[in-house]
C-alpha cells in the first residue's frame, strides 16, 4: 500500500534529526555505523506541492568531511 508523502513527513517533529520510522534502524547501526549526517534534514520546499503538476525530489547533498 503506498504511503502519502504528506502524511509521512507530517510525523516528524521540528527538533527531530531523523524520521520516527527510521529511528530504530539508526539506533541498531550505532552513531557511526550508518554514515549519515543527522545534524540537518534536507532543505525545505516551497510552492503549492499538493496542486503542482510536477514535483522534483532531490537528495540532500550532505556535507564534505571538512565541513562541520
C-alpha atoms as a PDB file:
ATOM      1  CA  UNK A   1       0.000   0.000   0.000  1.00  0.00           C
ATOM      2  CA  UNK A   2       1.513   3.388  -0.981  1.00  0.00           C
ATOM      3  CA  UNK A   3       2.207   5.969   1.671  1.00  0.00           C
ATOM      4  CA  UNK A   4       1.126   9.560   1.206  1.00  0.00           C
ATOM      5  CA  UNK A   5       4.290  11.681   1.325  1.00  0.00           C
ATOM      6  CA  UNK A   6       2.493  14.488   3.181  1.00  0.00           C
ATOM      7  CA  UNK A   7       1.206  12.121   5.869  1.00  0.00           C
ATOM      8  CA  UNK A   8       4.653  10.528   6.174  1.00  0.00           C
ATOM      9  CA  UNK A   9       6.584  13.773   6.677  1.00  0.00           C
ATOM     10  CA  UNK A  10       3.914  15.277   8.946  1.00  0.00           C
ATOM     11  CA  UNK A  11       5.068  12.744  11.573  1.00  0.00           C
ATOM     12  CA  UNK A  12       8.442  14.434  12.093  1.00  0.00           C
ATOM     13  CA  UNK A  13       8.820  16.997  14.847  1.00  0.00           C
ATOM     14  CA  UNK A  14      10.559  20.374  14.484  1.00  0.00           C
ATOM     15  CA  UNK A  15      13.555  19.236  16.566  1.00  0.00           C
ATOM     16  CA  UNK A  16      13.853  15.694  15.179  1.00  0.00           C
ATOM     17  CA  UNK A  17      17.043  14.753  13.370  1.00  0.00           C
ATOM     18  CA  UNK A  18      15.559  11.769  11.527  1.00  0.00           C
ATOM     19  CA  UNK A  19      12.094  10.496  10.707  1.00  0.00           C
ATOM     20  CA  UNK A  20      10.492   8.463  13.541  1.00  0.00           C
ATOM     21  CA  UNK A  21      10.165   5.481  11.163  1.00  0.00           C
ATOM     22  CA  UNK A  22      13.980   5.446  10.811  1.00  0.00           C
ATOM     23  CA  UNK A  23      14.950   5.822  14.476  1.00  0.00           C
ATOM     24  CA  UNK A  24      15.118   2.099  15.272  1.00  0.00           C
ATOM     25  CA  UNK A  25      17.349   1.388  12.276  1.00  0.00           C
ATOM     26  CA  UNK A  26      19.752   4.203  13.177  1.00  0.00           C
ATOM     27  CA  UNK A  27      19.774   3.048  16.806  1.00  0.00           C
ATOM     28  CA  UNK A  28      20.748  -0.508  15.793  1.00  0.00           C
ATOM     29  CA  UNK A  29      23.529   0.723  13.498  1.00  0.00           C
ATOM     30  CA  UNK A  30      25.049   2.948  16.168  1.00  0.00           C
ATOM     31  CA  UNK A  31      26.260   6.515  15.949  1.00  0.00           C
ATOM     32  CA  UNK A  32      28.976   5.938  13.359  1.00  0.00           C
ATOM     33  CA  UNK A  33      27.634   2.782  11.695  1.00  0.00           C
ATOM     34  CA  UNK A  34      25.357   4.420   9.138  1.00  0.00           C
ATOM     35  CA  UNK A  35      27.470   7.233   7.668  1.00  0.00           C
ATOM     36  CA  UNK A  36      24.576   9.710   7.520  1.00  0.00           C
ATOM     37  CA  UNK A  37      24.932  13.203   8.941  1.00  0.00           C
ATOM     38  CA  UNK A  38      21.813  13.625  11.078  1.00  0.00           C
ATOM     39  CA  UNK A  39      22.550  17.212  12.117  1.00  0.00           C
ATOM     40  CA  UNK A  40      20.224  18.587   9.481  1.00  0.00           C
ATOM     41  CA  UNK A  41      17.356  17.489   7.303  1.00  0.00           C
ATOM     42  CA  UNK A  42      17.174  18.222   3.560  1.00  0.00           C
ATOM     43  CA  UNK A  43      16.415  21.811   2.630  1.00  0.00           C
ATOM     44  CA  UNK A  44      12.842  22.986   2.916  1.00  0.00           C
ATOM     45  CA  UNK A  45      10.480  23.062  -0.021  1.00  0.00           C
ATOM     46  CA  UNK A  46       8.401  25.855  -1.397  1.00  0.00           C
ATOM     47  CA  UNK A  47       5.326  26.216  -3.510  1.00  0.00           C
ATOM     48  CA  UNK A  48       1.939  24.515  -3.728  1.00  0.00           C
ATOM     49  CA  UNK A  49       3.116  20.916  -3.548  1.00  0.00           C
ATOM     50  CA  UNK A  50      -0.313  19.293  -3.404  1.00  0.00           C
ATOM     51  CA  UNK A  51      -1.550  21.061  -6.544  1.00  0.00           C
ATOM     52  CA  UNK A  52       1.702  21.266  -8.528  1.00  0.00           C
ATOM     53  CA  UNK A  53       1.661  19.471 -11.886  1.00  0.00           C
ATOM     54  CA  UNK A  54       5.177  18.187 -11.188  1.00  0.00           C
ATOM     55  CA  UNK A  55       7.298  17.947  -8.035  1.00  0.00           C
ATOM     56  CA  UNK A  56      11.054  17.410  -8.144  1.00  0.00           C
ATOM     57  CA  UNK A  57      12.527  15.410  -5.284  1.00  0.00           C
ATOM     58  CA  UNK A  58      16.234  15.895  -4.702  1.00  0.00           C
ATOM     59  CA  UNK A  59      18.566  14.040  -2.410  1.00  0.00           C
ATOM     60  CA  UNK A  60      20.330  16.129   0.165  1.00  0.00           C
ATOM     61  CA  UNK A  61      23.950  16.535  -0.952  1.00  0.00           C
ATOM     62  CA  UNK A  62      25.170  16.340   2.630  1.00  0.00           C
ATOM     63  CA  UNK A  63      28.438  17.826   3.795  1.00  0.00           C
ATOM     64  CA  UNK A  64      32.025  17.145   2.970  1.00  0.00           C
ATOM     65  CA  UNK A  65      34.441  15.656   5.540  1.00  0.00           C
ATOM     66  CA  UNK A  66      35.978  19.098   6.183  1.00  0.00           C
ATOM     67  CA  UNK A  67      32.607  20.778   6.868  1.00  0.00           C
ATOM     68  CA  UNK A  68      31.324  20.774  10.429  1.00  0.00           C
END
